[in-house]
Amino acid sequence: MESFILAFRVVFPLLCLMVLGYYLKQKKFMEEKTLNQMNRVVFNVFLPFMLFKNIYKTEMEEGLDFGIVLFALLAVLGLFIFLCLTIPRVEKRKERSSVIIQGLYRSNFVLLGISIVSSIYGEGNIGMTAFVAATIIPLYNVLAVILFETFCTGECHFSGILKGIAKNPLIRASLLGFILLAAGIKIPGPVMTVVNDVSSLATPMSLIVLGGIFTFEGLRKYKKELIFVSVGRLILVPAVVVCLSLLMGFKGANLAGLMVMAGAPAAVSSCAMAEQMGGDAELAGLIIVVTSVLSVFTIFLWIFGLNLAGVL
């Protein structure tokens, strides 16, 4: 029961913000044009600030296990390649197949990973999870640019992909965070206060916009896609990653971090990315909503099961 309360405490606020967005749309406080404008602001301003802050504030502790970082990177990259080779055989419409691939490989690790691990093990044991998140999130975004540039334009031009990566605000923010972190450059307190304030808007604004674009008609329209992605995102992908992690000897907080990386719901920023780069934004938004709701139960089951097995 305690594990369920933990998972519920993390996910429930996200659901409330989505419901608020849906309510505001139904009451005509937000029109579709307003939602599109808000989505662009979230993608180009709030989310970059959040990524920059999370990377810049990562603790570069001694004794970091780079084997875990390498494992996480290879797991994400291997999954991405596998999905790009198989999903187009199932879903021929590229604006949908690209969103399905993104929903399966790109999790809400930046939001849930540190929260869950710190809730289980305490804030003094989250350094490794934070460092993995700081390296995985930029990879998520680079792969998303490659994905949408390739699928939604119908052609794979190296120059176009490089241009898309260079222009992507999430990637630029991540790179800047890494540069300042590695160089040990200290940001003045007043400036960091602004960074913290702006970045704090990213998650609530993303979820409110997400709730605004949600429709029950979409659940019927995308029923098969949502079932497919939910099972893959919340059950199959974490099952593979957890098994491989155990074979590699990872346990405790490190295993918990990898489990959340693989089993968290679809990333909140994936809807904004799909809308900006020509994917099916409605499907992307529904994937986030549905996987977020279901993750309350699946994350509980993963935590409960791994704890029962004595590996957490």
C-alpha atoms as a PDB file:
ATOM      1  CA  MET A   1       0.000   0.000   0.000  1.00  0.00           C
ATOM      2  CA  GLU A   2       2.886   2.335   0.796  1.00  0.00           C
ATOM      3  CA  SER A   3       4.349   1.761  -2.682  1.00  0.00           C
ATOM      4  CA  PHE A   4       1.009   2.562  -4.276  1.00  0.00           C
ATOM      5  CA  ILE A   5       0.717   5.790  -2.280  1.00  0.00           C
ATOM      6  CA  LEU A   6       4.212   6.731  -3.422  1.00  0.00           C
ATOM      7  CA  ALA A   7       3.423   6.232  -7.110  1.00  0.00           C
ATOM      8  CA  PHE A   8       0.017   7.886  -6.763  1.00  0.00           C
ATOM      9  CA  ARG A   9       1.532  10.903  -5.021  1.00  0.00           C
ATOM     10  CA  VAL A  10       3.872  11.441  -7.962  1.00  0.00           C
ATOM     11  CA  VAL A  11       1.344  10.982 -10.766  1.00  0.00           C
ATOM     12  CA  PHE A  12      -1.857  12.414  -9.248  1.00  0.00           C
ATOM     13  CA  PRO A  13      -0.795  16.101  -9.490  1.00  0.00           C
ATOM     14  CA  LEU A  14      -0.062  15.578 -13.182  1.00  0.00           C
ATOM     15  CA  LEU A  15      -3.562  14.266 -13.747  1.00  0.00           C
ATOM     16  CA  CYS A  16      -5.102  17.193 -11.872  1.00  0.00           C
ATOM     17  CA  LEU A  17      -3.336  19.697 -14.133  1.00  0.00           C
ATOM     18  CA  MET A  18      -4.564  17.843 -17.223  1.00  0.00           C
ATOM     19  CA  VAL A  19      -8.107  17.927 -15.871  1.00  0.00           C
ATOM     20  CA  LEU A  20      -7.741  21.661 -15.255  1.00  0.00           C
ATOM     21  CA  GLY A  21      -6.691  22.185 -18.871  1.00  0.00           C
ATOM     22  CA  TYR A  22      -9.651  20.141 -20.108  1.00  0.00           C
ATOM     23  CA  TYR A  23     -12.020  22.159 -17.866  1.00  0.00           C
ATOM     24  CA  LEU A  24     -10.660  25.501 -19.103  1.00  0.00           C
ATOM     25  CA  LYS A  25     -11.103  24.397 -22.718  1.00  0.00           C
ATOM     26  CA  GLN A  26     -14.675  23.216 -22.102  1.00  0.00           C
ATOM     27  CA  LYS A  27     -15.543  26.512 -20.389  1.00  0.00           C
ATOM     28  CA  LYS A  28     -14.136  28.444 -23.383  1.00  0.00           C
ATOM     29  CA  PHE A  29     -11.345  30.079 -21.366  1.00  0.00           C
ATOM     30  CA  MET A  30      -8.950  28.695 -23.966  1.00  0.00           C
ATOM     31  CA  GLU A  31      -9.631  28.346 -27.680  1.00  0.00           C
ATOM     32  CA  GLU A  32      -7.691  26.114 -30.054  1.00  0.00           C
ATOM     33  CA  LYS A  33      -5.668  29.088 -31.314  1.00  0.00           C
ATOM     34  CA  THR A  34      -4.707  29.967 -27.747  1.00  0.00           C
ATOM     35  CA  LEU A  35      -3.655  26.385 -27.031  1.00  0.00           C
ATOM     36  CA  ASN A  36      -1.446  26.322 -30.130  1.00  0.00           C
ATOM     37  CA  GLN A  37       0.226  29.565 -29.078  1.00  0.00           C
ATOM     38  CA  MET A  38       0.739  28.285 -25.536  1.00  0.00           C
ATOM     39  CA  ASN A  39       2.181  25.067 -26.929  1.00  0.00           C
ATOM     40  CA  ARG A  40       4.786  27.025 -28.892  1.00  0.00           C
ATOM     41  CA  VAL A  41       5.739  29.037 -25.803  1.00  0.00           C
ATOM     42  CA  VAL A  42       6.101  25.849 -23.758  1.00  0.00           C
ATOM     43  CA  PHE A  43       8.298  24.229 -26.416  1.00  0.00           C
ATOM     44  CA  ASN A  44      10.489  27.237 -27.135  1.00  0.00           C
ATOM     45  CA  VAL A  45      10.794  28.806 -23.665  1.00  0.00           C
ATOM     46  CA  PHE A  46       9.581  26.900 -20.612  1.00  0.00           C
ATOM     47  CA  LEU A  47      10.848  23.397 -21.458  1.00  0.00           C
ATOM     48  CA  PRO A  48      14.330  24.624 -22.518  1.00  0.00           C
ATOM     49  CA  PHE A  49      14.648  26.507 -19.228  1.00  0.00           C
ATOM     50  CA  MET A  50      13.639  23.372 -17.300  1.00  0.00           C
ATOM     51  CA  LEU A  51      16.132  21.153 -19.129  1.00  0.00           C
ATOM     52  CA  PHE A  52      18.912  23.685 -18.688  1.00  0.00           C
ATOM     53  CA  LYS A  53      18.259  23.948 -14.957  1.00  0.00           C
ATOM     54  CA  ASN A  54      18.085  20.171 -14.416  1.00  0.00           C
ATOM     55  CA  ILE A  55      21.385  19.601 -16.207  1.00  0.00           C
ATOM     56  CA  TYR A  56      23.173  22.625 -14.734  1.00  0.00           C
ATOM     57  CA  LYS A  57      22.223  21.610 -11.177  1.00  0.00           C
ATOM     58  CA  THR A  58      23.322  17.988 -11.597  1.00  0.00           C
ATOM     59  CA  GLU A  59      25.778  17.013  -8.879  1.00  0.00           C
ATOM     60  CA  MET A  60      29.052  15.853 -10.436  1.00  0.00           C
ATOM     61  CA  GLU A  61      29.855  13.500  -7.596  1.00  0.00           C
ATOM     62  CA  GLU A  62      32.900  11.302  -7.300  1.00  0.00           C
ATOM     63  CA  GLY A  63      32.283   7.607  -7.723  1.00  0.00           C
ATOM     64  CA  LEU A  64      29.685   7.940 -10.463  1.00  0.00           C
ATOM     65  CA  ASP A  65      29.194   4.615 -12.221  1.00  0.00           C
ATOM     66  CA  PHE A  66      29.592   5.425 -15.903  1.00  0.00           C
ATOM     67  CA  GLY A  67      28.694   1.817 -16.703  1.00  0.00           C
ATOM     68  CA  ILE A  68      25.112   2.608 -15.711  1.00  0.00           C
ATOM     69  CA  VAL A  69      25.122   5.726 -17.893  1.00  0.00           C
ATOM     70  CA  LEU A  70      26.465   3.736 -20.852  1.00  0.00           C
ATOM     71  CA  PHE A  71      23.860   1.019 -20.262  1.00  0.00           C
ATOM     72  CA  ALA A  72      21.043   3.589 -20.206  1.00  0.00           C
ATOM     73  CA  LEU A  73      22.283   5.264 -23.393  1.00  0.00           C
ATOM     74  CA  LEU A  74      22.613   1.962 -25.242  1.00  0.00           C
ATOM     75  CA  ALA A  75      19.201   0.799 -24.011  1.00  0.00           C
ATOM     76  CA  VAL A  76      17.483   3.932 -25.362  1.00  0.00           C
ATOM     77  CA  LEU A  77      19.435   3.878 -28.616  1.00  0.00           C
ATOM     78  CA  GLY A  78      18.824   0.153 -29.172  1.00  0.00           C
ATOM     79  CA  LEU A  79      15.102   0.561 -28.493  1.00  0.00           C
ATOM     80  CA  PHE A  80      14.905   3.521 -30.872  1.00  0.00           C
ATOM     81  CA  ILE A  81      16.576   1.611 -33.723  1.00  0.00           C
ATOM     82  CA  PHE A  82      14.374  -1.440 -33.150  1.00  0.00           C
ATOM     83  CA  LEU A  83      11.201   0.680 -33.208  1.00  0.00           C
ATOM     84  CA  CYS A  84      12.231   2.569 -36.351  1.00  0.00           C
ATOM     85  CA  LEU A  85      12.709  -0.745 -38.136  1.00  0.00           C
ATOM     86  CA  THR A  86       9.477  -2.390 -36.967  1.00  0.00           C
ATOM     87  CA  ILE A  87       6.753   0.216 -36.323  1.00  0.00           C
ATOM     88  CA  PRO A  88       6.529   1.472 -39.962  1.00  0.00           C
ATOM     89  CA  ARG A  89       5.630  -2.086 -40.957  1.00  0.00           C
ATOM     90  CA  VAL A  90       2.576  -1.887 -38.692  1.00  0.00           C
ATOM     91  CA  GLU A  91       1.560   1.776 -39.128  1.00  0.00           C
ATOM     92  CA  LYS A  92       2.083   3.144 -42.655  1.00  0.00           C
ATOM     93  CA  ARG A  93       1.007   6.731 -41.916  1.00  0.00           C
ATOM     94  CA  LYS A  94       4.271   8.435 -41.020  1.00  0.00           C
ATOM     95  CA  GLU A  95       2.722  11.217 -38.947  1.00  0.00           C
ATOM     96  CA  ARG A  96       1.308   8.494 -36.691  1.00  0.00           C
ATOM     97  CA  SER A  97       4.180   5.999 -36.784  1.00  0.00           C
ATOM     98  CA  SER A  98       6.644   8.713 -35.753  1.00  0.00           C
ATOM     99  CA  VAL A  99       4.466   9.616 -32.745  1.00  0.00           C
ATOM    100  CA  ILE A 100       4.070   5.944 -31.776  1.00  0.00           C
ATOM    101  CA  ILE A 101       7.832   5.448 -31.872  1.00  0.00           C
ATOM    102  CA  GLN A 102       8.352   8.566 -29.771  1.00  0.00           C
ATOM    103  CA  GLY A 103       5.734   7.420 -27.258  1.00  0.00           C
ATOM    104  CA  LEU A 104       7.480   4.077 -26.855  1.00  0.00           C
ATOM    105  CA  TYR A 105      11.103   5.167 -26.476  1.00  0.00           C
ATOM    106  CA  ARG A 106      10.765   8.588 -24.787  1.00  0.00           C
ATOM    107  CA  SER A 107       9.636   8.524 -21.154  1.00  0.00           C
ATOM    108  CA  ASN A 108       8.875  11.205 -18.592  1.00  0.00           C
ATOM    109  CA  PHE A 109      12.123  10.345 -16.804  1.00  0.00           C
ATOM    110  CA  VAL A 110      13.102  13.940 -16.063  1.00  0.00           C
ATOM    111  CA  LEU A 111       9.907  14.475 -14.077  1.00  0.00           C
ATOM    112  CA  LEU A 112       9.424  11.129 -12.355  1.00  0.00           C
ATOM    113  CA  GLY A 113      12.883   9.569 -12.072  1.00  0.00           C
ATOM    114  CA  ILE A 114      14.390  11.740  -9.358  1.00  0.00           C
ATOM    115  CA  SER A 115      11.050  12.078  -7.522  1.00  0.00           C
ATOM    116  CA  ILE A 116      10.490   8.336  -7.210  1.00  0.00           C
ATOM    117  CA  VAL A 117      14.085   7.405  -6.367  1.00  0.00           C
ATOM    118  CA  SER A 118      14.332  10.159  -3.721  1.00  0.00           C
ATOM    119  CA  SER A 119      10.989   9.067  -2.241  1.00  0.00           C
ATOM    120  CA  ILE A 120      12.285   5.509  -1.864  1.00  0.00           C
ATOM    121  CA  TYR A 121      15.927   6.063  -0.913  1.00  0.00           C
ATOM    122  CA  GLY A 122      16.108   9.693   0.233  1.00  0.00           C
ATOM    123  CA  GLU A 123      17.619  12.745  -1.422  1.00  0.00           C
ATOM    124  CA  GLY A 124      21.148  11.665  -0.560  1.00  0.00           C
ATOM    125  CA  ASN A 125      20.976   8.723  -2.959  1.00  0.00           C
ATOM    126  CA  ILE A 126      19.716  10.335  -6.165  1.00  0.00           C
ATOM    127  CA  GLY A 127      23.040  11.514  -7.614  1.00  0.00           C
ATOM    128  CA  MET A 128      23.352   8.626 -10.062  1.00  0.00           C
ATOM    129  CA  THR A 129      19.732   8.915 -11.212  1.00  0.00           C
ATOM    130  CA  ALA A 130      20.116  12.673 -11.737  1.00  0.00           C
ATOM    131  CA  PHE A 131      23.280  12.142 -13.776  1.00  0.00           C
ATOM    132  CA  VAL A 132      21.617   9.466 -15.941  1.00  0.00           C
ATOM    133  CA  ALA A 133      18.679  11.832 -16.521  1.00  0.00           C
ATOM    134  CA  ALA A 134      21.046  14.635 -17.512  1.00  0.00           C
ATOM    135  CA  THR A 135      22.590  12.451 -20.219  1.00  0.00           C
ATOM    136  CA  ILE A 136      19.448  10.656 -21.381  1.00  0.00           C
ATOM    137  CA  ILE A 137      17.222  13.709 -21.898  1.00  0.00           C
ATOM    138  CA  PRO A 138      19.457  15.296 -24.585  1.00  0.00           C
ATOM    139  CA  LEU A 139      19.582  11.920 -26.348  1.00  0.00           C
ATOM    140  CA  TYR A 140      15.771  11.727 -26.262  1.00  0.00           C
ATOM    141  CA  ASN A 141      15.583  15.087 -28.005  1.00  0.00           C
ATOM    142  CA  VAL A 142      18.270  14.392 -30.625  1.00  0.00           C
ATOM    143  CA  LEU A 143      16.559  11.125 -31.539  1.00  0.00           C
ATOM    144  CA  ALA A 144      13.178  12.895 -31.726  1.00  0.00           C
ATOM    145  CA  VAL A 145      14.580  15.414 -34.217  1.00  0.00           C
ATOM    146  CA  ILE A 146      16.050  12.589 -36.322  1.00  0.00           C
ATOM    147  CA  LEU A 147      12.749  10.718 -36.101  1.00  0.00           C
ATOM    148  CA  PHE A 148      10.484  13.550 -37.227  1.00  0.00           C
ATOM    149  CA  GLU A 149      12.893  14.924 -39.824  1.00  0.00           C
ATOM    150  CA  THR A 150      13.120  11.463 -41.391  1.00  0.00           C
ATOM    151  CA  PHE A 151       9.492  10.371 -41.127  1.00  0.00           C
ATOM    152  CA  CYS A 152       7.547  13.592 -41.608  1.00  0.00           C
ATOM    153  CA  THR A 153       9.587  14.965 -44.522  1.00  0.00           C
ATOM    154  CA  GLY A 154       9.791  11.543 -46.147  1.00  0.00           C
ATOM    155  CA  GLU A 155      13.513  11.941 -46.761  1.00  0.00           C
ATOM    156  CA  CYS A 156      16.620  11.474 -44.650  1.00  0.00           C
ATOM    157  CA  HIS A 157      19.052  14.293 -45.400  1.00  0.00           C
ATOM    158  CA  PHE A 158      22.002  14.524 -43.034  1.00  0.00           C
ATOM    159  CA  SER A 159      22.158  18.283 -43.456  1.00  0.00           C
ATOM    160  CA  GLY A 160      18.456  18.604 -42.656  1.00  0.00           C
ATOM    161  CA  ILE A 161      18.854  16.509 -39.514  1.00  0.00           C
ATOM    162  CA  LEU A 162      21.837  18.572 -38.369  1.00  0.00           C
ATOM    163  CA  LYS A 163      19.872  21.751 -39.022  1.00  0.00           C
ATOM    164  CA  GLY A 164      16.917  20.405 -37.049  1.00  0.00           C
ATOM    165  CA  ILE A 165      19.195  19.469 -34.135  1.00  0.00           C
ATOM    166  CA  ALA A 166      20.912  22.870 -34.190  1.00  0.00           C
ATOM    167  CA  LYS A 167      17.578  24.721 -34.243  1.00  0.00           C
ATOM    168  CA  ASN A 168      15.911  22.605 -31.552  1.00  0.00           C
ATOM    169  CA  PRO A 169      15.600  24.731 -28.375  1.00  0.00           C
ATOM    170  CA  LEU A 170      15.595  21.681 -26.097  1.00  0.00           C
ATOM    171  CA  ILE A 171      18.891  20.434 -27.455  1.00  0.00           C
ATOM    172  CA  ARG A 172      20.500  23.877 -27.337  1.00  0.00           C
ATOM    173  CA  ALA A 173      19.404  24.327 -23.721  1.00  0.00           C
ATOM    174  CA  SER A 174      20.794  20.895 -22.787  1.00  0.00           C
ATOM    175  CA  LEU A 175      24.111  21.648 -24.487  1.00  0.00           C
ATOM    176  CA  LEU A 176      24.420  25.008 -22.725  1.00  0.00           C
ATOM    177  CA  GLY A 177      23.709  23.345 -19.389  1.00  0.00           C
ATOM    178  CA  PHE A 178      26.429  20.751 -19.969  1.00  0.00           C
ATOM    179  CA  ILE A 179      28.965  23.409 -21.028  1.00  0.00           C
ATOM    180  CA  LEU A 180      28.399  25.551 -17.936  1.00  0.00           C
ATOM    181  CA  LEU A 181      28.358  22.479 -15.686  1.00  0.00           C
ATOM    182  CA  ALA A 182      31.592  21.065 -17.108  1.00  0.00           C
ATOM    183  CA  ALA A 183      33.309  24.462 -17.022  1.00  0.00           C
ATOM    184  CA  GLY A 184      32.233  25.061 -13.436  1.00  0.00           C
ATOM    185  CA  ILE A 185      30.768  28.450 -14.332  1.00  0.00           C
ATOM    186  CA  LYS A 186      28.574  29.833 -11.564  1.00  0.00           C
ATOM    187  CA  ILE A 187      25.422  31.669 -12.558  1.00  0.00           C
ATOM    188  CA  PRO A 188      24.717  34.753 -10.387  1.00  0.00           C
ATOM    189  CA  GLY A 189      21.997  34.258  -7.805  1.00  0.00           C
ATOM    190  CA  PRO A 190      19.456  36.722  -9.258  1.00  0.00           C
ATOM    191  CA  VAL A 191      19.842  35.173 -12.723  1.00  0.00           C
ATOM    192  CA  MET A 192      19.433  31.667 -11.310  1.00  0.00           C
ATOM    193  CA  THR A 193      16.270  32.815  -9.551  1.00  0.00           C
ATOM    194  CA  VAL A 194      14.819  33.799 -12.925  1.00  0.00           C
ATOM    195  CA  VAL A 195      15.882  30.441 -14.400  1.00  0.00           C
ATOM    196  CA  ASN A 196      14.202  28.591 -11.532  1.00  0.00           C
ATOM    197  CA  ASP A 197      11.002  30.643 -11.814  1.00  0.00           C
ATOM    198  CA  VAL A 198      10.657  30.170 -15.582  1.00  0.00           C
ATOM    199  CA  SER A 199      11.559  26.476 -15.474  1.00  0.00           C
ATOM    200  CA  SER A 200       8.955  25.882 -12.768  1.00  0.00           C
ATOM    201  CA  LEU A 201       6.272  26.822 -15.315  1.00  0.00           C
ATOM    202  CA  ALA A 202       7.252  24.084 -17.779  1.00  0.00           C
ATOM    203  CA  THR A 203       5.481  21.097 -16.265  1.00  0.00           C
ATOM    204  CA  PRO A 204       2.191  22.769 -15.209  1.00  0.00           C
ATOM    205  CA  MET A 205       1.858  24.682 -18.479  1.00  0.00           C
ATOM    206  CA  SER A 206       2.640  21.571 -20.528  1.00  0.00           C
ATOM    207  CA  LEU A 207       0.015  19.547 -18.695  1.00  0.00           C
ATOM    208  CA  ILE A 208      -2.638  22.267 -18.842  1.00  0.00           C
ATOM    209  CA  VAL A 209      -2.155  22.567 -22.612  1.00  0.00           C
ATOM    210  CA  LEU A 210      -2.233  18.785 -22.856  1.00  0.00           C
ATOM    211  CA  GLY A 211      -5.565  18.660 -21.037  1.00  0.00           C
ATOM    212  CA  GLY A 212      -6.891  21.370 -23.337  1.00  0.00           C
ATOM    213  CA  ILE A 213      -6.233  19.359 -26.499  1.00  0.00           C
ATOM    214  CA  PHE A 214      -7.643  16.139 -25.015  1.00  0.00           C
ATOM    215  CA  THR A 215     -10.900  14.823 -26.487  1.00  0.00           C
ATOM    216  CA  PHE A 216     -12.907  11.704 -25.642  1.00  0.00           C
ATOM    217  CA  GLU A 217     -13.533  11.309 -29.359  1.00  0.00           C
ATOM    218  CA  GLY A 218      -9.793  10.856 -29.729  1.00  0.00           C
ATOM    219  CA  LEU A 219      -9.877   7.845 -27.409  1.00  0.00           C
ATOM    220  CA  ARG A 220     -12.190   6.059 -29.826  1.00  0.00           C
ATOM    221  CA  LYS A 221     -10.350   7.301 -32.889  1.00  0.00           C
ATOM    222  CA  TYR A 222      -6.957   6.069 -31.679  1.00  0.00           C
ATOM    223  CA  LYS A 223      -8.070   3.089 -29.592  1.00  0.00           C
ATOM    224  CA  LYS A 224      -5.705   0.530 -31.151  1.00  0.00           C
ATOM    225  CA  GLU A 225      -2.705   2.865 -31.141  1.00  0.00           C
ATOM    226  CA  LEU A 226      -3.248   3.834 -27.494  1.00  0.00           C
ATOM    227  CA  ILE A 227      -3.537   0.223 -26.330  1.00  0.00           C
ATOM    228  CA  PHE A 228      -0.425  -0.726 -28.293  1.00  0.00           C
ATOM    229  CA  VAL A 229       1.697   2.148 -26.962  1.00  0.00           C
ATOM    230  CA  SER A 230       0.447   1.814 -23.369  1.00  0.00           C
ATOM    231  CA  VAL A 231       1.312  -1.892 -23.180  1.00  0.00           C
ATOM    232  CA  GLY A 232       4.691  -1.288 -24.769  1.00  0.00           C
ATOM    233  CA  ARG A 233       5.571   1.875 -22.799  1.00  0.00           C
ATOM    234  CA  LEU A 234       4.469   0.679 -19.362  1.00  0.00           C
ATOM    235  CA  ILE A 235       4.965  -3.102 -19.451  1.00  0.00           C
ATOM    236  CA  LEU A 236       7.102  -4.508 -22.274  1.00  0.00           C
ATOM    237  CA  VAL A 237       9.880  -1.896 -22.425  1.00  0.00           C
ATOM    238  CA  PRO A 238      10.467  -1.797 -18.644  1.00  0.00           C
ATOM    239  CA  ALA A 239      10.328  -5.611 -18.500  1.00  0.00           C
ATOM    240  CA  VAL A 240      13.198  -5.871 -20.988  1.00  0.00           C
ATOM    241  CA  VAL A 241      15.243  -3.102 -19.356  1.00  0.00           C
ATOM    242  CA  VAL A 242      14.737  -4.450 -15.830  1.00  0.00           C
ATOM    243  CA  CYS A 243      15.760  -7.974 -16.885  1.00  0.00           C
ATOM    244  CA  LEU A 244      18.882  -6.668 -18.617  1.00  0.00           C
ATOM    245  CA  SER A 245      19.663  -4.451 -15.614  1.00  0.00           C
ATOM    246  CA  LEU A 246      19.470  -7.426 -13.259  1.00  0.00           C
ATOM    247  CA  LEU A 247      21.744  -9.432 -15.557  1.00  0.00           C
ATOM    248  CA  MET A 248      24.213  -6.521 -15.387  1.00  0.00           C
ATOM    249  CA  GLY A 249      24.067  -6.653 -11.602  1.00  0.00           C
ATOM    250  CA  PHE A 250      22.305  -3.325 -11.004  1.00  0.00           C
ATOM    251  CA  LYS A 251      20.287  -3.152  -7.792  1.00  0.00           C
ATOM    252  CA  GLY A 252      18.869  -0.675  -5.310  1.00  0.00           C
ATOM    253  CA  ALA A 253      18.638   2.995  -6.300  1.00  0.00           C
ATOM    254  CA  ASN A 254      20.398   2.364  -9.615  1.00  0.00           C
ATOM    255  CA  LEU A 255      17.867  -0.302 -10.597  1.00  0.00           C
ATOM    256  CA  ALA A 256      14.991   1.923  -9.465  1.00  0.00           C
ATOM    257  CA  GLY A 257      16.267   4.763 -11.658  1.00  0.00           C
ATOM    258  CA  LEU A 258      16.576   2.504 -14.707  1.00  0.00           C
ATOM    259  CA  MET A 259      13.128   1.042 -14.048  1.00  0.00           C
ATOM    260  CA  VAL A 260      11.555   4.506 -13.980  1.00  0.00           C
ATOM    261  CA  MET A 261      13.481   5.533 -17.111  1.00  0.00           C
ATOM    262  CA  ALA A 262      11.973   2.567 -18.939  1.00  0.00           C
ATOM    263  CA  GLY A 263       8.539   2.417 -17.304  1.00  0.00           C
ATOM    264  CA  ALA A 264       7.510   6.049 -16.814  1.00  0.00           C
ATOM    265  CA  PRO A 265       4.654   7.442 -18.938  1.00  0.00           C
ATOM    266  CA  ALA A 266       5.358   9.214 -22.209  1.00  0.00           C
ATOM    267  CA  ALA A 267       7.293  12.474 -21.890  1.00  0.00           C
ATOM    268  CA  VAL A 268       5.189  15.613 -21.475  1.00  0.00           C
ATOM    269  CA  SER A 269       7.370  17.463 -23.999  1.00  0.00           C
ATOM    270  CA  SER A 270       6.681  14.861 -26.704  1.00  0.00           C
ATOM    271  CA  CYS A 271       3.337  16.473 -27.602  1.00  0.00           C
ATOM    272  CA  ALA A 272       4.931  19.871 -28.173  1.00  0.00           C
ATOM    273  CA  MET A 273       7.680  18.238 -30.215  1.00  0.00           C
ATOM    274  CA  ALA A 274       5.164  16.388 -32.404  1.00  0.00           C
ATOM    275  CA  GLU A 275       3.090  19.533 -32.965  1.00  0.00           C
ATOM    276  CA  GLN A 276       6.146  21.587 -33.905  1.00  0.00           C
ATOM    277  CA  MET A 277       7.645  18.996 -36.267  1.00  0.00           C
ATOM    278  CA  GLY A 278       4.662  17.698 -38.228  1.00  0.00           C
ATOM    279  CA  GLY A 279       3.639  14.623 -36.235  1.00  0.00           C
ATOM    280  CA  ASP A 280       0.125  13.718 -35.116  1.00  0.00           C
ATOM    281  CA  ALA A 281      -0.094  16.028 -32.091  1.00  0.00           C
ATOM    282  CA  GLU A 282      -3.549  14.781 -31.072  1.00  0.00           C
ATOM    283  CA  LEU A 283      -2.299  11.191 -30.835  1.00  0.00           C
ATOM    284  CA  ALA A 284       0.848  12.352 -29.016  1.00  0.00           C
ATOM    285  CA  GLY A 285      -1.251  14.182 -26.429  1.00  0.00           C
ATOM    286  CA  LEU A 286      -3.542  11.214 -25.887  1.00  0.00           C
ATOM    287  CA  ILE A 287      -0.548   8.904 -25.431  1.00  0.00           C
ATOM    288  CA  ILE A 288       0.715  11.150 -22.625  1.00  0.00           C
ATOM    289  CA  VAL A 289      -2.683  11.328 -20.914  1.00  0.00           C
ATOM    290  CA  VAL A 290      -3.437   7.598 -21.127  1.00  0.00           C
ATOM    291  CA  THR A 291       0.038   6.406 -20.102  1.00  0.00           C
ATOM    292  CA  SER A 292       0.110   8.913 -17.230  1.00  0.00           C
ATOM    293  CA  VAL A 293      -3.187   7.582 -15.863  1.00  0.00           C
ATOM    294  CA  LEU A 294      -2.197   3.937 -16.231  1.00  0.00           C
ATOM    295  CA  SER A 295       1.286   4.490 -14.823  1.00  0.00           C
ATOM    296  CA  VAL A 296      -0.242   5.057 -11.380  1.00  0.00           C
ATOM    297  CA  PHE A 297      -0.905   1.318 -11.332  1.00  0.00           C
ATOM    298  CA  THR A 298       2.017  -0.017 -13.376  1.00  0.00           C
ATOM    299  CA  ILE A 299       4.698   1.908 -11.453  1.00  0.00           C
ATOM    300  CA  PHE A 300       3.142   0.617  -8.231  1.00  0.00           C
ATOM    301  CA  LEU A 301       3.363  -2.944  -9.574  1.00  0.00           C
ATOM    302  CA  TRP A 302       6.991  -2.517 -10.649  1.00  0.00           C
ATOM    303  CA  ILE A 303       8.020  -1.046  -7.299  1.00  0.00           C
ATOM    304  CA  PHE A 304       6.057  -3.673  -5.373  1.00  0.00           C
ATOM    305  CA  GLY A 305       7.370  -6.578  -7.451  1.00  0.00           C
ATOM    306  CA  LEU A 306      11.023  -5.524  -7.399  1.00  0.00           C
ATOM    307  CA  ASN A 307      10.822  -4.795  -3.681  1.00  0.00           C
ATOM    308  CA  LEU A 308       9.275  -8.205  -3.090  1.00  0.00           C
ATOM    309  CA  ALA A 309      12.118  -9.790  -5.081  1.00  0.00           C
ATOM    310  CA  GLY A 310      14.604  -8.055  -2.796  1.00  0.00           C
ATOM    311  CA  VAL A 311      16.412  -6.091  -5.490  1.00  0.00           C
ATOM    312  CA  LEU A 312      15.206  -2.601  -4.514  1.00  0.00           C
END
